[in-house]
């Protein structure tokens, strides 16, 4: 019988590839956190300008929206590395070790395929915005390739972390679903 789910970060077992991907995912998490802090600071500045100085704001709302979306996308690999996504492990807990490994392999493979498709379309969307010089229809008129860059970057980093998770599980460095046998 399996024990409770592991809440620790994915293991790397000293493997250079897994260590590098873990470092990249951690760096992405720090960048996402910095974007959230910047969004909060910009929101505070916007509130001060609007309600204390009675001034108008031009770029703040749009910047906060783009920062929060980018933080969500860029933070995906870090959350995956820490196993922070929603995890319903009722079925894996009821399975034996080999069945659990098969289920984890299928789950990670399907996740990799889906994220790869999302990466492709995210790249295509970003490239259209960059190539065609798209700008937002606001007073600020930000070049949209800048915030849209979070799409391919976030999905590429998530894809890399998912591949690392699959490699770690297949090499026996990490347990399927982070569940150790009891």
Protein backbone atom coordinates (compact mmCIF):
# COMPACT_ATOMS: atom_id res chain seq x y z
CA UNK A 1 0.00 0.00 0.00
CA UNK A 2 1.27 3.48 -0.84
CA UNK A 3 1.81 6.23 1.67
CA UNK A 4 0.63 9.81 1.41
CA UNK A 5 1.55 12.04 -1.50
CA UNK A 6 4.93 13.70 -1.49
CA UNK A 7 4.87 17.47 -1.23
CA UNK A 8 8.59 17.84 -1.86
CA UNK A 9 10.06 19.07 -5.09
CA UNK A 10 10.74 16.60 -7.87
CA UNK A 11 13.95 14.68 -7.26
CA UNK A 12 16.98 14.98 -9.52
CA UNK A 13 19.15 12.16 -8.18
CA UNK A 14 22.27 14.11 -9.11
CA UNK A 15 21.42 13.83 -12.82
CA UNK A 16 22.85 16.90 -14.61
CA UNK A 17 19.86 17.25 -16.96
CA UNK A 18 17.35 17.03 -14.11
CA UNK A 19 19.38 19.43 -11.97
CA UNK A 20 19.57 21.96 -14.83
CA UNK A 21 15.84 21.75 -15.50
CA UNK A 22 15.14 22.11 -11.77
CA UNK A 23 17.34 25.20 -11.64
CA UNK A 24 15.61 26.70 -14.71
CA UNK A 25 12.17 25.99 -13.23
CA UNK A 26 13.21 27.58 -9.94
CA UNK A 27 14.51 30.65 -11.77
CA UNK A 28 11.19 30.85 -13.64
CA UNK A 29 9.39 30.73 -10.29
CA UNK A 30 11.47 33.62 -8.97
CA UNK A 31 10.76 35.61 -12.15
CA UNK A 32 7.03 34.93 -11.76
CA UNK A 33 7.17 36.07 -8.15
CA UNK A 34 8.96 39.26 -9.21
CA UNK A 35 6.23 39.92 -11.78
CA UNK A 36 3.56 39.57 -9.08
CA UNK A 37 5.46 41.99 -6.82
CA UNK A 38 5.78 44.44 -9.72
CA UNK A 39 2.04 44.12 -10.45
CA UNK A 40 1.21 44.86 -6.81
CA UNK A 41 3.54 47.88 -6.75
CA UNK A 42 2.03 49.23 -9.98
CA UNK A 43 -1.47 48.72 -8.56
CA UNK A 44 -0.53 50.67 -5.43
CA UNK A 45 0.95 53.46 -7.56
CA UNK A 46 -2.22 53.53 -9.67
CA UNK A 47 -4.43 53.80 -6.59
CA UNK A 48 -2.29 56.63 -5.24
CA UNK A 49 -2.39 58.55 -8.53
CA UNK A 50 -6.14 58.09 -8.99
CA UNK A 51 -7.48 58.64 -5.49
CA UNK A 52 -4.87 60.80 -3.77
CA UNK A 53 -3.58 62.96 -6.62
CA UNK A 54 -6.86 62.85 -8.61
CA UNK A 55 -4.84 62.08 -11.74
CA UNK A 56 -5.54 59.76 -14.61
CA UNK A 57 -3.73 56.54 -15.29
CA UNK A 58 -2.81 55.38 -18.76
CA UNK A 59 -0.66 52.28 -18.66
CA UNK A 60 -1.05 50.79 -15.19
CA UNK A 61 -4.13 48.59 -15.63
CA UNK A 62 -2.83 47.08 -18.85
CA UNK A 63 0.63 46.50 -17.36
CA UNK A 64 -0.83 44.76 -14.31
CA UNK A 65 -2.97 42.48 -16.48
CA UNK A 66 0.01 41.51 -18.66
CA UNK A 67 2.26 40.98 -15.65
CA UNK A 68 -0.20 38.70 -13.85
CA UNK A 69 -0.84 36.63 -16.98
CA UNK A 70 2.91 36.38 -17.67
CA UNK A 71 3.56 35.39 -14.04
CA UNK A 72 0.97 32.64 -14.33
CA UNK A 73 2.52 31.24 -17.51
CA UNK A 74 6.17 31.62 -16.52
CA UNK A 75 5.43 30.17 -13.07
CA UNK A 76 3.96 26.94 -14.47
CA UNK A 77 7.22 24.93 -14.47
CA UNK A 78 8.04 25.93 -10.90
CA UNK A 79 4.62 24.82 -9.68
CA UNK A 80 5.04 21.56 -11.62
CA UNK A 81 8.48 21.03 -10.08
CA UNK A 82 7.06 21.52 -6.57
CA UNK A 83 4.04 19.35 -7.41
CA UNK A 84 1.83 22.27 -6.54
CA UNK A 85 -0.85 21.58 -9.13
CA UNK A 86 -4.13 19.98 -8.10
CA UNK A 87 -3.39 16.34 -7.43
CA UNK A 88 -6.16 13.81 -7.00
CA UNK A 89 -4.25 10.65 -6.16
CA UNK A 90 -7.13 8.33 -5.24
CA UNK A 91 -6.65 6.13 -8.32
CA UNK A 92 -2.82 5.96 -8.11
CA UNK A 93 -3.03 5.13 -4.39
CA UNK A 94 -5.26 2.15 -5.17
CA UNK A 95 -2.86 0.80 -7.82
CA UNK A 96 0.16 -1.39 -7.50
CA UNK A 97 3.65 -0.14 -8.28
CA UNK A 98 3.79 -1.26 -11.93
CA UNK A 99 0.27 -0.08 -12.78
CA UNK A 100 1.03 3.26 -11.13
CA UNK A 101 4.16 3.62 -13.28
CA UNK A 102 2.17 2.86 -16.45
CA UNK A 103 -0.51 5.39 -15.49
CA UNK A 104 2.14 8.02 -14.69
CA UNK A 105 3.89 7.38 -18.01
CA UNK A 106 0.64 7.75 -19.94
CA UNK A 107 -0.38 10.84 -17.96
CA UNK A 108 2.97 12.58 -18.43
CA UNK A 109 3.11 11.61 -22.12
CA UNK A 110 -0.35 13.02 -22.80
CA UNK A 111 0.51 16.16 -20.82
CA UNK A 112 3.70 16.57 -22.85
CA UNK A 113 1.75 16.22 -26.10
CA UNK A 114 -0.90 18.75 -25.05
CA UNK A 115 1.65 21.28 -23.80
CA UNK A 116 3.67 20.82 -27.02
CA UNK A 117 0.58 21.73 -29.06
CA UNK A 118 -0.04 24.74 -26.83
CA UNK A 119 3.60 25.76 -27.24
CA UNK A 120 3.29 25.53 -31.02
CA UNK A 121 0.20 27.72 -31.15
CA UNK A 122 1.61 30.11 -28.53
CA UNK A 123 4.76 30.50 -30.64
CA UNK A 124 2.69 31.05 -33.77
CA UNK A 125 0.53 33.68 -32.04
CA UNK A 126 3.58 35.47 -30.64
CA UNK A 127 5.29 35.38 -34.04
CA UNK A 128 2.25 36.91 -35.77
CA UNK A 129 2.21 39.75 -33.25
CA UNK A 130 5.95 40.33 -33.66
CA UNK A 131 6.03 40.03 -37.46
CA UNK A 132 2.98 42.21 -38.05
CA UNK A 133 3.82 44.84 -35.44
CA UNK A 134 0.59 44.41 -33.51
CA UNK A 135 -0.11 47.03 -30.83
CA UNK A 136 -2.82 47.18 -28.20
CA UNK A 137 -5.81 49.40 -28.93
CA UNK A 138 -5.24 51.48 -25.82
CA UNK A 139 -3.67 54.88 -25.23
CA UNK A 140 -0.48 53.15 -24.13
CA UNK A 141 -0.35 51.15 -27.39
CA UNK A 142 2.07 48.51 -26.12
CA UNK A 143 3.72 46.30 -28.74
CA UNK A 144 1.86 43.05 -28.18
CA UNK A 145 4.77 40.75 -28.95
CA UNK A 146 6.22 41.72 -25.57
CA UNK A 147 3.40 40.39 -23.35
CA UNK A 148 2.62 37.58 -25.80
CA UNK A 149 6.18 36.28 -25.39
CA UNK A 150 5.01 34.75 -22.09
CA UNK A 151 3.02 32.17 -24.08
CA UNK A 152 5.88 30.33 -25.81
CA UNK A 153 8.31 30.89 -22.93
CA UNK A 154 5.91 29.59 -20.28
CA UNK A 155 4.81 26.57 -22.27
CA UNK A 156 8.38 25.75 -23.35
CA UNK A 157 9.53 25.79 -19.73
CA UNK A 158 6.56 23.70 -18.62
CA UNK A 159 7.26 21.23 -21.43
CA UNK A 160 10.88 20.98 -20.31
CA UNK A 161 9.83 20.31 -16.70
CA UNK A 162 7.31 17.67 -17.79
CA UNK A 163 9.98 15.91 -19.86
CA UNK A 164 12.31 16.03 -16.85
CA UNK A 165 9.56 14.55 -14.66
CA UNK A 166 9.05 11.73 -17.16
CA UNK A 167 12.80 11.06 -17.40
CA UNK A 168 13.16 11.04 -13.60
CA UNK A 169 10.27 8.63 -13.24
CA UNK A 170 11.46 6.27 -16.00
CA UNK A 171 15.00 6.24 -14.60
CA UNK A 172 13.67 5.40 -11.13
CA UNK A 173 14.95 8.66 -9.62
CA UNK A 174 11.46 9.84 -8.70
CA UNK A 175 8.40 7.77 -7.84
CA UNK A 176 5.29 7.87 -10.06
CA UNK A 177 3.00 10.65 -8.82
CA UNK A 178 5.52 11.20 -6.02
CA UNK A 179 4.02 8.23 -4.17
CA UNK A 180 6.46 5.96 -2.39
CA UNK A 181 5.52 2.36 -1.68
CA UNK A 182 4.74 1.71 1.93
